[in-house]
Protein backbone atom coordinates (compact mmCIF):
# COMPACT_ATOMS: atom_id res chain seq x y z
CA MET A 1 -1.01 -8.07 -44.42
CA TYR A 2 -2.74 -5.77 -41.71
CA ARG A 3 -4.94 -7.61 -41.36
CA GLY A 4 -3.41 -10.85 -41.34
CA LEU A 5 -0.97 -9.51 -38.07
CA LEU A 6 -4.73 -8.11 -36.64
CA ASP A 7 -5.72 -11.94 -37.41
CA GLN A 8 -2.69 -13.38 -34.75
CA TYR A 9 -2.67 -10.89 -32.46
CA THR A 10 -6.75 -11.40 -31.94
CA HIS A 11 -6.32 -14.96 -31.94
CA ALA A 12 -3.70 -15.39 -29.58
CA SER A 13 -3.93 -16.79 -26.16
CA LEU A 14 -2.45 -14.94 -23.17
CA PRO A 15 -0.43 -16.80 -20.85
CA PRO A 16 -1.72 -18.77 -17.88
CA THR A 17 -0.51 -16.45 -15.04
CA LEU A 18 0.46 -12.57 -15.69
CA HIS A 19 2.29 -10.96 -14.06
CA TYR A 20 2.58 -7.58 -14.09
CA VAL A 21 5.00 -4.55 -13.35
CA VAL A 22 3.46 -1.34 -11.89
CA ASP A 23 4.92 2.20 -11.04
CA GLY A 24 5.84 2.76 -7.81
CA GLY A 25 5.25 6.40 -7.96
CA TYR A 26 2.04 6.77 -9.47
CA MET A 27 0.48 3.45 -6.72
CA LEU A 28 2.04 6.10 -4.43
CA HIS A 29 -0.56 8.85 -5.31
CA LYS A 30 -3.47 6.46 -4.89
CA VAL A 31 -2.88 6.48 -1.28
CA ARG A 32 -5.33 8.40 0.71
CA TRP A 33 -3.38 10.29 3.73
CA SER A 34 -3.35 13.96 5.30
CA THR A 35 -0.70 16.50 4.83
CA ALA A 36 0.64 16.08 8.22
CA ASN A 37 1.97 12.47 7.81
CA ASP A 38 4.97 12.16 7.84
CA MET A 39 6.39 8.42 5.84
CA CYS A 40 6.38 6.11 8.95
CA HIS A 41 2.60 6.58 9.47
CA ILE A 42 1.96 6.81 4.60
CA LEU A 43 4.60 3.81 3.89
CA PRO A 44 1.55 1.12 6.40
CA LEU A 45 -1.13 2.81 4.64
CA TYR A 46 1.22 1.97 1.53
CA MET A 47 1.87 -1.23 1.85
CA ASP A 48 -1.88 -2.56 3.13
CA PHE A 49 -3.31 -1.08 -0.13
CA LEU A 50 -0.64 -2.72 -2.45
CA GLN A 51 -1.76 -6.00 -0.48
CA LYS A 52 -5.39 -5.34 -1.36
CA LEU A 53 -4.38 -5.86 -4.71
CA GLY A 54 -3.34 -9.19 -4.82
CA SER A 55 0.38 -10.89 -5.83
CA ALA A 56 0.32 -10.81 -9.39
CA PHE A 57 2.57 -7.69 -9.81
CA SER A 58 5.67 -5.92 -8.92
CA VAL A 59 5.76 -1.85 -8.05
CA VAL A 60 8.84 -0.40 -8.96
CA PHE A 61 10.21 3.16 -8.78
CA ASP A 62 12.19 4.63 -10.77
CA GLY A 63 15.55 6.87 -9.94
CA TYR A 64 16.67 10.11 -11.04
CA ASP A 65 20.20 10.89 -12.02
CA GLU A 66 21.49 13.86 -12.00
CA ASP A 67 21.29 14.88 -15.23
CA LEU A 68 18.35 16.19 -16.49
CA SER A 69 15.55 13.86 -17.04
CA THR A 70 11.90 14.45 -18.36
CA LYS A 71 10.36 15.79 -14.83
CA THR A 72 12.99 17.58 -13.79
CA HIS A 73 10.42 20.83 -14.51
CA GLU A 74 7.56 19.17 -12.61
CA HIS A 75 10.35 18.53 -9.41
CA GLU A 76 10.87 22.27 -9.02
CA ARG A 77 7.74 22.90 -9.75
CA ARG A 78 6.38 20.41 -6.64
CA ALA A 79 9.98 21.71 -4.71
CA SER A 80 8.61 25.26 -4.48
CA LYS A 81 5.24 25.11 -3.10
CA THR A 82 6.48 23.12 -0.43
CA ALA A 83 8.77 25.62 0.22
CA LYS A 84 5.92 28.01 0.81
CA VAL A 85 4.41 25.79 2.68
CA VAL A 86 7.06 25.51 4.77
CA ALA A 87 7.41 28.95 4.48
CA LYS A 88 4.20 29.80 6.16
CA HIS A 89 4.62 27.69 9.31
């Protein structure tokens, strides 16, 4: 049964055009900027980066509810680092 399913999918052809959905937060980490820049400087860098990739994709930023999520701990960790950096100035 497994081999039958495997054969079915390995011989399937892809559609003539593909459109990808990309995580915008992940893509934002691929852009290089200095720590002194704000969003007014980062956004044009981000847009240039995306335009170089082509047009066969959509960028999606997922929001977070007020409730706890799987990323809550990571957000808190990063926020504590930001508070330490701001306090040094």
